[in-house]
Full PDB file with SEQRES, HELIX, SHEET, SSBOND, CRYST1, ORIGX, SCALE, CONECT and MASTER records, all heavy atoms in Angstrom:
SEQRES   1 A   35  ASP ALA THR ASP ASP GLU ILE GLU GLU ALA GLU ALA GLU          
SEQRES   2 A   35  ARG ASP ASN TRP LEU GLU GLN ALA LYS GLU GLU LEU VAL          
SEQRES   3 A   35  SER ALA VAL TYR ASP VAL GLU LEU TYR                          
HELIX    1 AA1 ASP A    4  TYR A   30  1                                  27    
CRYST1    1.000    1.000    1.000  90.00  90.00  90.00 P 1           1          
ORIGX1      1.000000  0.000000  0.000000        0.00000                         
ORIGX2      0.000000  1.000000  0.000000        0.00000                         
ORIGX3      0.000000  0.000000  1.000000        0.00000                         
SCALE1      1.000000  0.000000  0.000000        0.00000                         
SCALE2      0.000000  1.000000  0.000000        0.00000                         
SCALE3      0.000000  0.000000  1.000000        0.00000                         
ATOM      1  N   ASP A   1     134.310 122.461  94.871  1.00  0.00           N  
ATOM      2  CA  ASP A   1     135.769 122.390  94.686  1.00  0.00           C  
ATOM      3  C   ASP A   1     136.297 120.954  94.838  1.00  0.00           C  
ATOM      4  O   ASP A   1     137.488 120.742  95.073  1.00  0.00           O  
ATOM      5  CB  ASP A   1     136.466 123.327  95.685  1.00  0.00           C  
ATOM      6  CG  ASP A   1     136.112 122.999  97.133  1.00  0.00           C  
ATOM      7  OD1 ASP A   1     135.142 122.224  97.347  1.00  0.00           O  
ATOM      8  OD2 ASP A   1     136.799 123.507  98.040  1.00  0.00           O  
ATOM      9  N   ALA A   2     135.436 119.964  94.655  1.00  0.00           N  
ATOM     10  CA  ALA A   2     135.864 118.563  94.789  1.00  0.00           C  
ATOM     11  C   ALA A   2     136.780 118.168  93.640  1.00  0.00           C  
ATOM     12  O   ALA A   2     136.657 118.672  92.516  1.00  0.00           O  
ATOM     13  CB  ALA A   2     134.637 117.652  94.796  1.00  0.00           C  
ATOM     14  N   THR A   3     137.698 117.268  93.940  1.00  0.00           N  
ATOM     15  CA  THR A   3     138.624 116.774  92.911  1.00  0.00           C  
ATOM     16  C   THR A   3     137.878 115.780  92.016  1.00  0.00           C  
ATOM     17  O   THR A   3     136.785 115.319  92.342  1.00  0.00           O  
ATOM     18  CB  THR A   3     139.829 116.067  93.561  1.00  0.00           C  
ATOM     19  OG1 THR A   3     139.341 114.905  94.255  1.00  0.00           O  
ATOM     20  CG2 THR A   3     140.561 116.989  94.534  1.00  0.00           C  
ATOM     21  N   ASP A   4     138.516 115.443  90.896  1.00  0.00           N  
ATOM     22  CA  ASP A   4     137.916 114.468  89.976  1.00  0.00           C  
ATOM     23  C   ASP A   4     137.669 113.134  90.678  1.00  0.00           C  
ATOM     24  O   ASP A   4     136.641 112.488  90.451  1.00  0.00           O  
ATOM     25  CB  ASP A   4     138.811 114.263  88.744  1.00  0.00           C  
ATOM     26  CG  ASP A   4     138.789 115.472  87.819  1.00  0.00           C  
ATOM     27  OD1 ASP A   4     137.892 116.319  87.978  1.00  0.00           O  
ATOM     28  OD2 ASP A   4     139.668 115.562  86.929  1.00  0.00           O  
ATOM     29  N   ASP A   5     138.631 112.726  91.505  1.00  0.00           N  
ATOM     30  CA  ASP A   5     138.476 111.454  92.237  1.00  0.00           C  
ATOM     31  C   ASP A   5     137.290 111.511  93.197  1.00  0.00           C  
ATOM     32  O   ASP A   5     136.530 110.536  93.314  1.00  0.00           O  
ATOM     33  CB  ASP A   5     139.757 111.126  93.024  1.00  0.00           C  
ATOM     34  CG  ASP A   5     140.880 110.651  92.124  1.00  0.00           C  
ATOM     35  OD1 ASP A   5     140.594 110.311  90.960  1.00  0.00           O  
ATOM     36  OD2 ASP A   5     142.039 110.623  92.585  1.00  0.00           O  
ATOM     37  N   GLU A   6     137.128 112.640  93.872  1.00  0.00           N  
ATOM     38  CA  GLU A   6     136.016 112.788  94.809  1.00  0.00           C  
ATOM     39  C   GLU A   6     134.672 112.796  94.077  1.00  0.00           C  
ATOM     40  O   GLU A   6     133.696 112.225  94.553  1.00  0.00           O  
ATOM     41  CB  GLU A   6     136.184 114.077  95.626  1.00  0.00           C  
ATOM     42  CG  GLU A   6     137.299 113.998  96.647  1.00  0.00           C  
ATOM     43  CD  GLU A   6     137.600 115.334  97.307  1.00  0.00           C  
ATOM     44  OE1 GLU A   6     137.318 116.388  96.688  1.00  0.00           O  
ATOM     45  OE2 GLU A   6     138.110 115.313  98.446  1.00  0.00           O  
ATOM     46  N   ILE A   7     134.647 113.435  92.914  1.00  0.00           N  
ATOM     47  CA  ILE A   7     133.422 113.463  92.108  1.00  0.00           C  
ATOM     48  C   ILE A   7     133.075 112.057  91.637  1.00  0.00           C  
ATOM     49  O   ILE A   7     131.921 111.619  91.712  1.00  0.00           O  
ATOM     50  CB  ILE A   7     133.579 114.423  90.902  1.00  0.00           C  
ATOM     51  CG1 ILE A   7     133.645 115.876  91.396  1.00  0.00           C  
ATOM     52  CG2 ILE A   7     132.441 114.245  89.899  1.00  0.00           C  
ATOM     53  CD1 ILE A   7     134.014 116.885  90.340  1.00  0.00           C  
ATOM     54  N   GLU A   8     134.093 111.329  91.178  1.00  0.00           N  
ATOM     55  CA  GLU A   8     133.880 109.957  90.711  1.00  0.00           C  
ATOM     56  C   GLU A   8     133.385 109.072  91.851  1.00  0.00           C  
ATOM     57  O   GLU A   8     132.473 108.260  91.674  1.00  0.00           O  
ATOM     58  CB  GLU A   8     135.196 109.415  90.140  1.00  0.00           C  
ATOM     59  CG  GLU A   8     135.041 108.144  89.353  1.00  0.00           C  
ATOM     60  CD  GLU A   8     136.347 107.706  88.699  1.00  0.00           C  
ATOM     61  OE1 GLU A   8     137.083 108.555  88.176  1.00  0.00           O  
ATOM     62  OE2 GLU A   8     136.617 106.493  88.743  1.00  0.00           O  
ATOM     63  N   GLU A   9     133.974 109.258  93.020  1.00  0.00           N  
ATOM     64  CA  GLU A   9     133.566 108.482  94.193  1.00  0.00           C  
ATOM     65  C   GLU A   9     132.119 108.802  94.585  1.00  0.00           C  
ATOM     66  O   GLU A   9     131.329 107.920  94.906  1.00  0.00           O  
ATOM     67  CB  GLU A   9     134.512 108.798  95.361  1.00  0.00           C  
ATOM     68  CG  GLU A   9     134.286 107.926  96.585  1.00  0.00           C  
ATOM     69  CD  GLU A   9     135.273 108.255  97.703  1.00  0.00           C  
ATOM     70  OE1 GLU A   9     136.432 108.604  97.411  1.00  0.00           O  
ATOM     71  OE2 GLU A   9     134.854 108.153  98.872  1.00  0.00           O  
ATOM     72  N   ALA A  10     131.759 110.096  94.528  1.00  0.00           N  
ATOM     73  CA  ALA A  10     130.397 110.517  94.869  1.00  0.00           C  
ATOM     74  C   ALA A  10     129.395 109.952  93.868  1.00  0.00           C  
ATOM     75  O   ALA A  10     128.293 109.537  94.245  1.00  0.00           O  
ATOM     76  CB  ALA A  10     130.312 112.039  94.900  1.00  0.00           C  
ATOM     77  N   GLU A  11     129.765 109.916  92.586  1.00  0.00           N  
ATOM     78  CA  GLU A  11     128.875 109.367  91.561  1.00  0.00           C  
ATOM     79  C   GLU A  11     128.658 107.864  91.773  1.00  0.00           C  
ATOM     80  O   GLU A  11     127.541 107.362  91.625  1.00  0.00           O  
ATOM     81  CB  GLU A  11     129.435 109.640  90.164  1.00  0.00           C  
ATOM     82  CG  GLU A  11     129.290 111.097  89.731  1.00  0.00           C  
ATOM     83  CD  GLU A  11     130.004 111.383  88.408  1.00  0.00           C  
ATOM     84  OE1 GLU A  11     130.732 110.489  87.904  1.00  0.00           O  
ATOM     85  OE2 GLU A  11     129.835 112.505  87.888  1.00  0.00           O  
ATOM     86  N   ALA A  12     129.751 107.167  92.125  1.00  0.00           N  
ATOM     87  CA  ALA A  12     129.634 105.725  92.392  1.00  0.00           C  
ATOM     88  C   ALA A  12     128.758 105.479  93.619  1.00  0.00           C  
ATOM     89  O   ALA A  12     127.938 104.556  93.641  1.00  0.00           O  
ATOM     90  CB  ALA A  12     131.019 105.122  92.602  1.00  0.00           C  
ATOM     91  N   GLU A  13     128.906 106.335  94.620  1.00  0.00           N  
ATOM     92  CA  GLU A  13     128.101 106.206  95.842  1.00  0.00           C  
ATOM     93  C   GLU A  13     126.621 106.432  95.533  1.00  0.00           C  
ATOM     94  O   GLU A  13     125.753 105.711  96.011  1.00  0.00           O  
ATOM     95  CB  GLU A  13     128.586 107.240  96.872  1.00  0.00           C  
ATOM     96  CG  GLU A  13     128.051 107.006  98.271  1.00  0.00           C  
ATOM     97  CD  GLU A  13     128.627 108.008  99.273  1.00  0.00           C  
ATOM     98  OE1 GLU A  13     129.695 108.588  99.011  1.00  0.00           O  
ATOM     99  OE2 GLU A  13     127.965 108.199 100.312  1.00  0.00           O  
ATOM    100  N   ARG A  14     126.347 107.432  94.668  1.00  0.00           N  
ATOM    101  CA  ARG A  14     124.947 107.705  94.286  1.00  0.00           C  
ATOM    102  C   ARG A  14     124.376 106.541  93.480  1.00  0.00           C  
ATOM    103  O   ARG A  14     123.228 106.154  93.662  1.00  0.00           O  
ATOM    104  CB  ARG A  14     124.845 109.007  93.485  1.00  0.00           C  
ATOM    105  CG  ARG A  14     123.415 109.260  93.050  1.00  0.00           C  
ATOM    106  CD  ARG A  14     123.220 110.581  92.346  1.00  0.00           C  
ATOM    107  NE  ARG A  14     121.961 110.635  91.645  1.00  0.00           N  
ATOM    108  CZ  ARG A  14     120.771 110.727  92.205  1.00  0.00           C  
ATOM    109  NH1 ARG A  14     120.651 110.744  93.520  1.00  0.00           N  
ATOM    110  NH2 ARG A  14     119.665 110.779  91.473  1.00  0.00           N  
ATOM    111  N   ASP A  15     125.182 105.976  92.572  1.00  0.00           N  
ATOM    112  CA  ASP A  15     124.723 104.827  91.784  1.00  0.00           C  
ATOM    113  C   ASP A  15     124.356 103.654  92.692  1.00  0.00           C  
ATOM    114  O   ASP A  15     123.339 102.993  92.489  1.00  0.00           O  
ATOM    115  CB  ASP A  15     125.791 104.394  90.771  1.00  0.00           C  
ATOM    116  CG  ASP A  15     125.948 105.391  89.629  1.00  0.00           C  
ATOM    117  OD1 ASP A  15     125.058 106.244  89.460  1.00  0.00           O  
ATOM    118  OD2 ASP A  15     126.966 105.313  88.905  1.00  0.00           O  
ATOM    119  N   ASN A  16     125.203 103.402  93.688  1.00  0.00           N  
ATOM    120  CA  ASN A  16     124.926 102.321  94.644  1.00  0.00           C  
ATOM    121  C   ASN A  16     123.656 102.606  95.438  1.00  0.00           C  
ATOM    122  O   ASN A  16     122.838 101.719  95.658  1.00  0.00           O  
ATOM    123  CB  ASN A  16     126.103 102.135  95.613  1.00  0.00           C  
ATOM    124  CG  ASN A  16     127.299 101.499  94.947  1.00  0.00           C  
ATOM    125  OD1 ASN A  16     127.174 100.831  93.931  1.00  0.00           O  
ATOM    126  ND2 ASN A  16     128.482 101.721  95.505  1.00  0.00           N  
ATOM    127  N   TRP A  17     123.503 103.879  95.872  1.00  0.00           N  
ATOM    128  CA  TRP A  17     122.299 104.265  96.611  1.00  0.00           C  
ATOM    129  C   TRP A  17     121.057 104.044  95.751  1.00  0.00           C  
ATOM    130  O   TRP A  17     120.063 103.495  96.213  1.00  0.00           O  
ATOM    131  CB  TRP A  17     122.381 105.741  97.012  1.00  0.00           C  
ATOM    132  CG  TRP A  17     121.033 106.267  97.410  1.00  0.00           C  
ATOM    133  CD1 TRP A  17     120.396 106.081  98.600  1.00  0.00           C  
ATOM    134  CD2 TRP A  17     120.125 107.008  96.591  1.00  0.00           C  
ATOM    135  NE1 TRP A  17     119.151 106.668  98.568  1.00  0.00           N  
ATOM    136  CE2 TRP A  17     118.965 107.248  97.347  1.00  0.00           C  
ATOM    137  CE3 TRP A  17     120.188 107.499  95.282  1.00  0.00           C  
ATOM    138  CZ2 TRP A  17     117.875 107.959  96.850  1.00  0.00           C  
ATOM    139  CZ3 TRP A  17     119.106 108.206  94.781  1.00  0.00           C  
ATOM    140  CH2 TRP A  17     117.966 108.428  95.563  1.00  0.00           C  
ATOM    141  N   LEU A  18     121.147 104.463  94.474  1.00  0.00           N  
ATOM    142  CA  LEU A  18     119.998 104.367  93.585  1.00  0.00           C  
ATOM    143  C   LEU A  18     119.579 102.918  93.384  1.00  0.00           C  
ATOM    144  O   LEU A  18     118.391 102.591  93.443  1.00  0.00           O  
ATOM    145  CB  LEU A  18     120.345 105.021  92.241  1.00  0.00           C  
ATOM    146  CG  LEU A  18     119.202 105.338  91.298  1.00  0.00           C  
ATOM    147  CD1 LEU A  18     118.120 106.153  91.985  1.00  0.00           C  
ATOM    148  CD2 LEU A  18     119.717 106.054  90.062  1.00  0.00           C  
ATOM    149  N   GLU A  19     120.547 102.030  93.195  1.00  0.00           N  
ATOM    150  CA  GLU A  19     120.234 100.601  93.032  1.00  0.00           C  
ATOM    151  C   GLU A  19     119.573 100.038  94.283  1.00  0.00           C  
ATOM    152  O   GLU A  19     118.583  99.322  94.212  1.00  0.00           O  
ATOM    153  CB  GLU A  19     121.511  99.809  92.703  1.00  0.00           C  
ATOM    154  CG  GLU A  19     121.964  99.918  91.272  1.00  0.00           C  
ATOM    155  CD  GLU A  19     120.871  99.570  90.267  1.00  0.00           C  
ATOM    156  OE1 GLU A  19     120.255  98.492  90.383  1.00  0.00           O  
ATOM    157  OE2 GLU A  19     120.598 100.403  89.378  1.00  0.00           O  
ATOM    158  N   GLN A  20     120.142 100.381  95.435  1.00  0.00           N  
ATOM    159  CA  GLN A  20     119.590  99.882  96.705  1.00  0.00           C  
ATOM    160  C   GLN A  20     118.182 100.427  96.943  1.00  0.00           C  
ATOM    161  O   GLN A  20     117.282  99.691  97.351  1.00  0.00           O  
ATOM    162  CB  GLN A  20     120.514 100.285  97.860  1.00  0.00           C  
ATOM    163  CG  GLN A  20     120.102  99.719  99.193  1.00  0.00           C  
ATOM    164  CD  GLN A  20     121.006 100.178 100.326  1.00  0.00           C  
ATOM    165  OE1 GLN A  20     122.028 100.829 100.106  1.00  0.00           O  
ATOM    166  NE2 GLN A  20     120.631  99.835 101.544  1.00  0.00           N  
ATOM    167  N   ALA A  21     117.980 101.718  96.643  1.00  0.00           N  
ATOM    168  CA  ALA A  21     116.671 102.341  96.844  1.00  0.00           C  
ATOM    169  C   ALA A  21     115.628 101.711  95.921  1.00  0.00           C  
ATOM    170  O   ALA A  21     114.497 101.441  96.335  1.00  0.00           O  
ATOM    171  CB  ALA A  21     116.772 103.846  96.599  1.00  0.00           C  
ATOM    172  N   LYS A  22     116.005 101.466  94.676  1.00  0.00           N  
ATOM    173  CA  LYS A  22     115.084 100.836  93.724  1.00  0.00           C  
ATOM    174  C   LYS A  22     114.706  99.435  94.198  1.00  0.00           C  
ATOM    175  O   LYS A  22     113.538  99.037  94.130  1.00  0.00           O  
ATOM    176  CB  LYS A  22     115.733 100.745  92.336  1.00  0.00           C  
ATOM    177  CG  LYS A  22     115.800 102.061  91.587  1.00  0.00           C  
ATOM    178  CD  LYS A  22     116.486 101.839  90.237  1.00  0.00           C  
ATOM    179  CE  LYS A  22     116.571 103.105  89.430  1.00  0.00           C  
ATOM    180  NZ  LYS A  22     117.206 102.896  88.113  1.00  0.00           N  
ATOM    181  N   GLU A  23     115.689  98.676  94.684  1.00  0.00           N  
ATOM    182  CA  GLU A  23     115.421  97.321  95.186  1.00  0.00           C  
ATOM    183  C   GLU A  23     114.444  97.357  96.360  1.00  0.00           C  
ATOM    184  O   GLU A  23     113.543  96.515  96.455  1.00  0.00           O  
ATOM    185  CB  GLU A  23     116.729  96.647  95.604  1.00  0.00           C  
ATOM    186  CG  GLU A  23     117.561  96.141  94.435  1.00  0.00           C  
ATOM    187  CD  GLU A  23     118.908  95.588  94.876  1.00  0.00           C  
ATOM    188  OE1 GLU A  23     119.046  95.229  96.067  1.00  0.00           O  
ATOM    189  OE2 GLU A  23     119.816  95.522  94.034  1.00  0.00           O  
ATOM    190  N   GLU A  24     114.630  98.323  97.259  1.00  0.00           N  
ATOM    191  CA  GLU A  24     113.733  98.455  98.422  1.00  0.00           C  
ATOM    192  C   GLU A  24     112.293  98.688  97.963  1.00  0.00           C  
ATOM    193  O   GLU A  24     111.356  98.069  98.470  1.00  0.00           O  
ATOM    194  CB  GLU A  24     114.174  99.620  99.317  1.00  0.00           C  
ATOM    195  CG  GLU A  24     115.455  99.381 100.076  1.00  0.00           C  
ATOM    196  CD  GLU A  24     115.280  98.422 101.237  1.00  0.00           C  
ATOM    197  OE1 GLU A  24     114.145  98.203 101.688  1.00  0.00           O  
ATOM    198  OE2 GLU A  24     116.303  97.890 101.696  1.00  0.00           O  
ATOM    199  N   LEU A  25     112.131  99.576  96.971  1.00  0.00           N  
ATOM    200  CA  LEU A  25     110.792  99.917  96.512  1.00  0.00           C  
ATOM    201  C   LEU A  25     110.148  98.752  95.766  1.00  0.00           C  
ATOM    202  O   LEU A  25     108.995  98.398  96.026  1.00  0.00           O  
ATOM    203  CB  LEU A  25     110.854 101.160  95.614  1.00  0.00           C  
ATOM    204  CG  LEU A  25     109.520 101.657  95.059  1.00  0.00           C  
ATOM    205  CD1 LEU A  25     108.474 101.804  96.159  1.00  0.00           C  
ATOM    206  CD2 LEU A  25     109.709 102.966  94.326  1.00  0.00           C  
ATOM    207  N   VAL A  26     110.895  98.130  94.864  1.00  0.00           N  
ATOM    208  CA  VAL A  26     110.350  96.988  94.114  1.00  0.00           C  
ATOM    209  C   VAL A  26     109.971  95.860  95.070  1.00  0.00           C  
ATOM    210  O   VAL A  26     108.908  95.255  94.942  1.00  0.00           O  
ATOM    211  CB  VAL A  26     111.349  96.495  93.050  1.00  0.00           C  
ATOM    212  CG1 VAL A  26     110.934  95.150  92.474  1.00  0.00           C  
ATOM    213  CG2 VAL A  26     111.476  97.518  91.930  1.00  0.00           C  
ATOM    214  N   SER A  27     110.831  95.587  96.049  1.00  0.00           N  
ATOM    215  CA  SER A  27     110.551  94.534  97.015  1.00  0.00           C  
ATOM    216  C   SER A  27     109.264  94.843  97.789  1.00  0.00           C  
ATOM    217  O   SER A  27     108.420  93.970  98.001  1.00  0.00           O  
ATOM    218  CB  SER A  27     111.734  94.404  97.973  1.00  0.00           C  
ATOM    219  OG  SER A  27     111.456  93.485  98.982  1.00  0.00           O  
ATOM    220  N   ALA A  28     109.085  96.105  98.192  1.00  0.00           N  
ATOM    221  CA  ALA A  28     107.891  96.490  98.942  1.00  0.00           C  
ATOM    222  C   ALA A  28     106.631  96.354  98.085  1.00  0.00           C  
ATOM    223  O   ALA A  28     105.596  95.910  98.567  1.00  0.00           O  
ATOM    224  CB  ALA A  28     108.034  97.927  99.446  1.00  0.00           C  
ATOM    225  N   VAL A  29     106.721  96.724  96.810  1.00  0.00           N  
ATOM    226  CA  VAL A  29     105.562  96.634  95.904  1.00  0.00           C  
ATOM    227  C   VAL A  29     105.182  95.177  95.677  1.00  0.00           C  
ATOM    228  O   VAL A  29     104.008  94.824  95.660  1.00  0.00           O  
ATOM    229  CB  VAL A  29     105.844  97.352  94.567  1.00  0.00           C  
ATOM    230  CG1 VAL A  29     104.764  97.049  93.550  1.00  0.00           C  
ATOM    231  CG2 VAL A  29     105.948  98.851  94.782  1.00  0.00           C  
ATOM    232  N   TYR A  30     106.191  94.304  95.524  1.00  0.00           N  
ATOM    233  CA  TYR A  30     105.901  92.894  95.256  1.00  0.00           C  
ATOM    234  C   TYR A  30     105.560  92.117  96.533  1.00  0.00           C  
ATOM    235  O   TYR A  30     105.161  90.968  96.449  1.00  0.00           O  
ATOM    236  CB  TYR A  30     107.055  92.235  94.500  1.00  0.00           C  
ATOM    237  CG  TYR A  30     106.945  92.474  93.009  1.00  0.00           C  
ATOM    238  CD1 TYR A  30     107.556  93.556  92.414  1.00  0.00           C  
ATOM    239  CD2 TYR A  30     106.201  91.615  92.201  1.00  0.00           C  
ATOM    240  CE1 TYR A  30     107.438  93.791  91.051  1.00  0.00           C  
ATOM    241  CE2 TYR A  30     106.075  91.831  90.837  1.00  0.00           C  
ATOM    242  CZ  TYR A  30     106.701  92.918  90.272  1.00  0.00           C  
ATOM    243  OH  TYR A  30     106.556  93.154  88.921  1.00  0.00           O  
ATOM    244  N   ASP A  31     105.704  92.741  97.708  1.00  0.00           N  
ATOM    245  CA  ASP A  31     105.293  92.089  98.957  1.00  0.00           C  
ATOM    246  C   ASP A  31     103.775  92.059  99.116  1.00  0.00           C  
ATOM    247  O   ASP A  31     103.235  91.291  99.893  1.00  0.00           O  
ATOM    248  CB  ASP A  31     105.900  92.806 100.166  1.00  0.00           C  
ATOM    249  CG  ASP A  31     107.306  92.319 100.471  1.00  0.00           C  
ATOM    250  OD1 ASP A  31     107.714  91.299  99.883  1.00  0.00           O  
ATOM    251  OD2 ASP A  31     107.994  92.961 101.283  1.00  0.00           O  
ATOM    252  N   VAL A  32     103.095  92.945  98.371  1.00  0.00           N  
ATOM    253  CA  VAL A  32     101.626  93.024  98.489  1.00  0.00           C  
ATOM    254  C   VAL A  32     100.996  91.735  97.946  1.00  0.00           C  
ATOM    255  O   VAL A  32     101.341  91.274  96.876  1.00  0.00           O  
ATOM    256  CB  VAL A  32     101.085  94.236  97.713  1.00  0.00           C  
ATOM    257  CG1 VAL A  32      99.569  94.288  97.805  1.00  0.00           C  
ATOM    258  CG2 VAL A  32     101.699  95.523  98.235  1.00  0.00           C  
ATOM    259  N   GLU A  33     100.094  91.155  98.729  1.00  0.00           N  
ATOM    260  CA  GLU A  33      99.394  89.933  98.324  1.00  0.00           C  
ATOM    261  C   GLU A  33      97.894  90.143  98.400  1.00  0.00           C  
ATOM    262  O   GLU A  33      97.409  90.843  99.286  1.00  0.00           O  
ATOM    263  CB  GLU A  33      99.801  88.764  99.238  1.00  0.00           C  
ATOM    264  CG  GLU A  33     101.259  88.383  99.119  1.00  0.00           C  
ATOM    265  CD  GLU A  33     101.650  87.277 100.068  1.00  0.00           C  
ATOM    266  OE1 GLU A  33     100.781  86.792 100.820  1.00  0.00           O  
ATOM    267  OE2 GLU A  33     102.832  86.890 100.071  1.00  0.00           O  
ATOM    268  N   LEU A  34      97.180  89.544  97.469  1.00  0.00           N  
ATOM    269  CA  LEU A  34      95.721  89.668  97.440  1.00  0.00           C  
ATOM    270  C   LEU A  34      95.035  88.619  98.273  1.00  0.00           C  
ATOM    271  O   LEU A  34      93.899  88.781  98.704  1.00  0.00           O  
ATOM    272  CB  LEU A  34      95.202  89.583  96.001  1.00  0.00           C  
ATOM    273  CG  LEU A  34      95.642  90.683  95.035  1.00  0.00           C  
ATOM    274  CD1 LEU A  34      94.988  90.479  93.687  1.00  0.00           C  
ATOM    275  CD2 LEU A  34      95.291  92.048  95.594  1.00  0.00           C  
ATOM    276  N   TYR A  35      95.696  87.470  98.503  1.00  0.00           N  
ATOM    277  CA  TYR A  35      95.028  86.356  99.187  1.00  0.00           C  
ATOM    278  C   TYR A  35      95.770  85.973 100.438  1.00  0.00           C  
ATOM    279  O   TYR A  35      96.924  86.209 100.574  1.00  0.00           O  
ATOM    280  CB  TYR A  35      94.923  85.144  98.263  1.00  0.00           C  
ATOM    281  CG  TYR A  35      94.175  85.465  96.992  1.00  0.00           C  
ATOM    282  CD1 TYR A  35      94.850  85.764  95.818  1.00  0.00           C  
ATOM    283  CD2 TYR A  35      92.783  85.505  96.983  1.00  0.00           C  
ATOM    284  CE1 TYR A  35      94.148  86.074  94.655  1.00  0.00           C  
ATOM    285  CE2 TYR A  35      92.084  85.817  95.834  1.00  0.00           C  
ATOM    286  CZ  TYR A  35      92.774  86.113  94.676  1.00  0.00           C  
ATOM    287  OH  TYR A  35      92.082  86.438  93.532  1.00  0.00           O  
TER     288      TYR A  35                                                      
MASTER        0    0    0    1    0    0    0    6  287    1    0    3          
END                                                                             
């Protein structure tokens, strides 16, 4: 029963979470060193 504004806010929050989560994972993968 969320309003349009609440849905829009939740979508923006998820987009921000997704970007941050992707950055965390990419950073962790590129931290690996062979030497």
